[in-house]
Amino acid sequence: MKQSKDYLIFPLDVPTLHEAMRYVQILSGCVGLFKIGLELFTREGPEIVRQIKNAADGTGIFLDLKLHDIPETVRRTMAIIADLGVTFTTVHCSDSKAMLTAASEGAGGKTGILGVTVLTSVSANDLRTAGYAETFAGDITQLVLKRARMAKDAQFSGVICSGLEAGLIKKYVGQDFLAVTPGIRPAWELTGAHDQKRVLTPAQAILNGSDYLVIGRPIRDAKDPAAAALKVVEEIESALADLS
């Protein structure tokens, strides 16, 4: 059964194995998944997944590499990732159905695939410059939903999305389709009304339909990262109680 801490993903956004292992030792048992990104994986290689798994005391691994290549390359790479035993990995949804299908075939059901719909750094003007129709450039949500449907059709487990999009994706694609949400700020870190309008708290994201929350800096920069993670878990527990 999924526990409150299992909703929490901590990104190991550090440049070296030594720093990553420090947070693994501190936060094992406090979070559900450790996320390994492109920078750390490129520096340390696949061995870092094995080392973190051995030290993480049962905490899962989310390997966030955002694959995007020709279908056969994605299929073969995904098969290698699946053999690492990670819980989730990521693939860009901004390409053909064939590439997404190849990713699922390569994974062989061994690891869950999360689709990256539209990066948060991409603006409406960026999409227009890249040649997208105004239907999507003028309303990025429509592009997110289209790509989420493509991911679902390719048998992905879910997508990376904002907490504001999670409920809409669930309604459009299905309640069993996972919504993994970055950019969350704990309620105890918000400082004013302006902050509360711009970002979602863990409780708000859960109530909006998010299944996993990626929270880094508020935990990483805390004097006691484990205590900060547990405070986040308390917020998640409160939202889950409200849902039930």
Protein backbone atom coordinates (compact mmCIF):
# COMPACT_ATOMS: atom_id res chain seq x y z
CA MET A 1 0.00 0.00 0.00
CA LYS A 2 1.27 3.46 -0.93
CA GLN A 3 2.32 5.46 2.12
CA SER A 4 2.37 9.25 2.44
CA LYS A 5 6.16 9.41 2.02
CA ASP A 6 5.88 7.44 -1.22
CA TYR A 7 4.31 10.48 -2.90
CA LEU A 8 7.53 12.45 -2.37
CA ILE A 9 10.37 12.43 -4.92
CA PHE A 10 13.68 14.03 -3.98
CA PRO A 11 15.88 15.11 -6.93
CA LEU A 12 19.58 14.45 -6.50
CA ASP A 13 20.48 17.66 -8.34
CA VAL A 14 24.13 17.58 -7.32
CA PRO A 15 27.21 17.12 -9.52
CA THR A 16 28.99 14.22 -7.80
CA LEU A 17 28.35 10.78 -6.40
CA HIS A 18 29.76 11.84 -3.03
CA GLU A 19 27.18 14.61 -2.64
CA ALA A 20 24.38 12.39 -3.92
CA MET A 21 25.20 9.65 -1.44
CA ARG A 22 25.14 12.17 1.41
CA TYR A 23 21.48 12.95 0.69
CA VAL A 24 20.67 9.30 0.11
CA GLN A 25 21.98 8.47 3.58
CA ILE A 26 20.05 11.36 5.16
CA LEU A 27 16.74 10.87 3.36
CA SER A 28 16.39 7.12 2.89
CA GLY A 29 13.14 6.17 4.56
CA CYS A 30 11.85 9.76 4.42
CA VAL A 31 11.02 9.93 0.70
CA GLY A 32 9.52 7.56 -1.85
CA LEU A 33 11.94 8.00 -4.73
CA PHE A 34 15.34 9.52 -5.48
CA LYS A 35 15.52 11.22 -8.87
CA ILE A 36 18.75 11.00 -10.84
CA GLY A 37 19.01 13.63 -13.58
CA LEU A 38 21.05 13.97 -16.74
CA GLU A 39 23.96 15.88 -15.17
CA LEU A 40 24.66 13.37 -12.42
CA PHE A 41 24.08 10.35 -14.66
CA THR A 42 26.40 11.69 -17.35
CA ARG A 43 29.19 12.30 -14.84
CA GLU A 44 28.88 9.04 -12.92
CA GLY A 45 27.33 6.60 -15.40
CA PRO A 46 24.93 3.69 -14.77
CA GLU A 47 26.92 2.55 -11.76
CA ILE A 48 25.41 5.39 -9.75
CA VAL A 49 21.98 3.76 -10.03
CA ARG A 50 23.33 0.53 -8.56
CA GLN A 51 25.16 2.31 -5.75
CA ILE A 52 22.16 4.41 -4.76
CA LYS A 53 19.85 1.37 -4.88
CA ASN A 54 22.21 -0.51 -2.57
CA ALA A 55 22.35 2.39 -0.10
CA ALA A 56 18.76 3.62 -0.31
CA ASP A 57 17.18 1.01 1.96
CA GLY A 58 14.32 0.21 -0.38
CA THR A 59 13.71 3.74 -1.69
CA GLY A 60 13.04 3.65 -5.43
CA ILE A 61 14.93 5.33 -8.27
CA PHE A 62 13.51 7.70 -10.86
CA LEU A 63 16.00 8.02 -13.74
CA ASP A 64 15.12 11.29 -15.46
CA LEU A 65 16.97 11.20 -18.81
CA LYS A 66 14.19 12.48 -21.12
CA LEU A 67 14.99 10.20 -24.06
CA HIS A 68 14.36 11.61 -27.52
CA ASP A 69 15.85 9.90 -30.58
CA ILE A 70 14.94 7.63 -33.48
CA PRO A 71 12.67 4.74 -32.42
CA GLU A 72 15.26 1.96 -32.59
CA THR A 73 17.77 3.91 -30.51
CA VAL A 74 15.10 4.67 -27.92
CA ARG A 75 14.01 1.02 -27.85
CA ARG A 76 17.53 -0.26 -27.22
CA THR A 77 18.36 2.42 -24.67
CA MET A 78 15.13 1.80 -22.79
CA ALA A 79 15.94 -1.91 -22.57
CA ILE A 80 19.25 -1.01 -20.90
CA ILE A 81 17.50 1.37 -18.48
CA ALA A 82 14.90 -1.28 -17.64
CA ASP A 83 17.67 -3.70 -16.70
CA LEU A 84 18.92 -1.18 -14.12
CA GLY A 85 15.77 -1.80 -12.10
CA VAL A 86 14.55 1.79 -11.84
CA THR A 87 10.94 2.57 -10.93
CA PHE A 88 10.44 5.35 -13.49
CA THR A 89 12.24 6.96 -16.38
CA THR A 90 11.26 9.73 -18.82
CA VAL A 91 10.76 10.12 -22.56
CA HIS A 92 9.91 13.27 -24.52
CA CYS A 93 6.46 13.13 -26.10
CA SER A 94 7.34 15.71 -28.75
CA ASP A 95 7.97 13.20 -31.52
CA SER A 96 6.29 10.37 -33.37
CA LYS A 97 3.98 7.68 -32.06
CA ALA A 98 6.58 5.19 -33.29
CA MET A 99 9.20 6.54 -30.86
CA LEU A 100 6.82 6.34 -27.91
CA THR A 101 5.76 2.82 -28.82
CA ALA A 102 9.42 1.82 -29.16
CA ALA A 103 10.08 3.13 -25.67
CA SER A 104 7.33 0.95 -24.22
CA GLU A 105 8.55 -2.07 -26.15
CA GLY A 106 12.08 -1.54 -24.89
CA ALA A 107 10.93 -1.20 -21.29
CA GLY A 108 9.10 -4.50 -21.52
CA GLY A 109 6.99 -3.66 -18.49
CA LYS A 110 10.06 -3.59 -16.23
CA THR A 111 10.02 0.16 -15.56
CA GLY A 112 7.32 2.81 -15.69
CA ILE A 113 7.67 5.47 -18.38
CA LEU A 114 6.67 9.08 -17.76
CA GLY A 115 6.12 11.34 -20.74
CA VAL A 116 7.53 14.85 -20.84
CA THR A 117 4.81 16.90 -22.51
CA VAL A 118 6.07 20.50 -22.63
CA LEU A 119 9.09 21.69 -20.68
CA THR A 120 8.33 24.48 -18.21
CA SER A 121 10.97 26.64 -19.90
CA VAL A 122 9.02 26.65 -23.20
CA SER A 123 6.80 29.67 -23.82
CA ALA A 124 3.98 30.27 -26.28
CA ASN A 125 6.33 32.37 -28.38
CA ASP A 126 8.88 29.55 -28.42
CA LEU A 127 6.24 27.25 -29.88
CA ARG A 128 5.28 29.80 -32.53
CA THR A 129 8.94 30.22 -33.48
CA ALA A 130 9.26 26.43 -33.76
CA GLY A 131 6.36 26.36 -36.22
CA TYR A 132 3.50 25.11 -34.05
CA ALA A 133 -0.06 25.97 -35.02
CA GLU A 134 -1.72 28.71 -33.02
CA THR A 135 -4.12 26.10 -31.63
CA PHE A 136 -1.23 24.84 -29.53
CA ALA A 137 0.98 27.91 -29.27
CA GLY A 138 -1.92 30.01 -28.05
CA ASP A 139 -3.07 27.40 -25.54
CA ILE A 140 -0.20 25.23 -24.33
CA THR A 141 -2.64 23.18 -22.25
CA GLN A 142 -4.07 21.74 -25.47
CA LEU A 143 -0.60 20.58 -26.49
CA VAL A 144 -0.03 19.06 -23.04
CA LEU A 145 -3.31 17.13 -23.28
CA LYS A 146 -2.59 15.92 -26.81
CA ARG A 147 0.80 14.60 -25.78
CA ALA A 148 -0.58 13.06 -22.61
CA ARG A 149 -3.05 11.13 -24.77
CA MET A 150 -0.19 10.00 -27.03
CA ALA A 151 1.69 8.78 -23.96
CA LYS A 152 -1.35 6.91 -22.68
CA ASP A 153 -1.89 5.26 -26.08
CA ALA A 154 1.76 4.14 -26.03
CA GLN A 155 1.16 2.52 -22.62
CA PHE A 156 3.21 4.99 -20.61
CA SER A 157 2.54 5.09 -16.87
CA GLY A 158 1.93 8.84 -16.81
CA VAL A 159 3.37 12.26 -17.51
CA ILE A 160 5.30 15.05 -15.89
CA CYS A 161 2.93 17.98 -15.45
CA SER A 162 2.14 20.97 -13.28
CA GLY A 163 -0.20 20.59 -10.35
CA LEU A 164 -2.63 22.87 -12.15
CA GLU A 165 -2.76 20.44 -15.10
CA ALA A 166 -2.99 17.22 -13.08
CA GLY A 167 -6.75 17.21 -12.61
CA LEU A 168 -7.41 18.05 -16.25
CA ILE A 169 -5.09 15.28 -17.42
CA LYS A 170 -6.85 12.79 -15.15
CA LYS A 171 -10.21 13.85 -16.56
CA TYR A 172 -9.02 13.76 -20.17
CA VAL A 173 -6.78 10.67 -20.11
CA GLY A 174 -7.91 8.60 -17.12
CA GLN A 175 -7.72 8.43 -13.35
CA ASP A 176 -5.15 5.62 -13.46
CA PHE A 177 -2.72 7.74 -15.51
CA LEU A 178 -0.02 9.12 -13.22
CA ALA A 179 0.58 12.85 -12.80
CA VAL A 180 4.09 13.59 -11.52
CA THR A 181 4.45 17.21 -10.48
CA PRO A 182 7.61 19.30 -10.04
CA GLY A 183 7.83 22.87 -8.78
CA ILE A 184 6.02 22.31 -5.47
CA ARG A 185 6.65 24.60 -2.50
CA PRO A 186 5.81 23.47 1.04
CA ALA A 187 3.28 25.66 2.83
CA TRP A 188 5.84 26.45 5.53
CA GLU A 189 8.19 27.95 2.95
CA LEU A 190 5.71 30.34 1.32
CA THR A 191 6.21 33.92 2.44
CA GLY A 192 3.25 35.88 1.12
CA ALA A 193 0.12 36.12 -0.98
CA HIS A 194 2.09 36.53 -4.21
CA ASP A 195 3.91 33.25 -3.60
CA GLN A 196 0.65 31.47 -2.90
CA LYS A 197 -0.77 32.57 -6.26
CA ARG A 198 2.24 31.41 -8.27
CA VAL A 199 2.94 27.98 -6.84
CA LEU A 200 1.15 24.99 -5.35
CA THR A 201 1.75 23.45 -1.96
CA PRO A 202 2.01 19.66 -1.54
CA ALA A 203 -1.55 19.53 -0.20
CA GLN A 204 -2.93 21.60 -3.08
CA ALA A 205 -1.15 19.43 -5.67
CA ILE A 206 -2.45 16.20 -4.12
CA LEU A 207 -5.99 17.59 -3.98
CA ASN A 208 -5.66 18.59 -7.65
CA GLY A 209 -4.79 15.01 -8.64
CA SER A 210 -0.98 14.75 -8.48
CA ASP A 211 0.30 11.26 -7.69
CA TYR A 212 3.93 12.19 -7.02
CA LEU A 213 5.58 15.47 -6.02
CA VAL A 214 9.15 16.42 -6.94
CA ILE A 215 10.51 18.68 -4.20
CA GLY A 216 14.18 19.57 -4.07
CA ARG A 217 15.46 22.92 -2.82
CA PRO A 218 13.23 23.32 0.28
CA ILE A 219 14.50 19.96 1.54
CA ARG A 220 18.06 20.14 0.22
CA ASP A 221 18.75 23.61 1.67
CA ALA A 222 17.14 22.98 5.06
CA LYS A 223 19.34 22.76 8.15
CA ASP A 224 17.80 19.34 8.76
CA PRO A 225 16.78 17.84 5.38
CA ALA A 226 15.18 14.77 6.97
CA ALA A 227 13.00 16.92 9.23
CA ALA A 228 12.02 19.09 6.24
CA ALA A 229 11.04 16.00 4.24
CA LEU A 230 8.90 14.76 7.12
CA LYS A 231 7.14 18.14 7.29
CA VAL A 232 6.30 17.78 3.61
CA VAL A 233 4.99 14.27 4.27
CA GLU A 234 2.73 15.70 6.98
CA GLU A 235 1.24 18.10 4.42
CA ILE A 236 0.67 15.17 2.07
CA GLU A 237 -0.99 13.17 4.85
CA SER A 238 -3.35 16.06 5.53
CA ALA A 239 -4.41 16.20 1.87
CA LEU A 240 -4.88 12.43 1.69
CA ALA A 241 -7.09 12.60 4.77
CA ASP A 242 -9.20 15.27 3.08
CA LEU A 243 -9.52 13.12 -0.04
CA SER A 244 -10.65 10.10 1.94
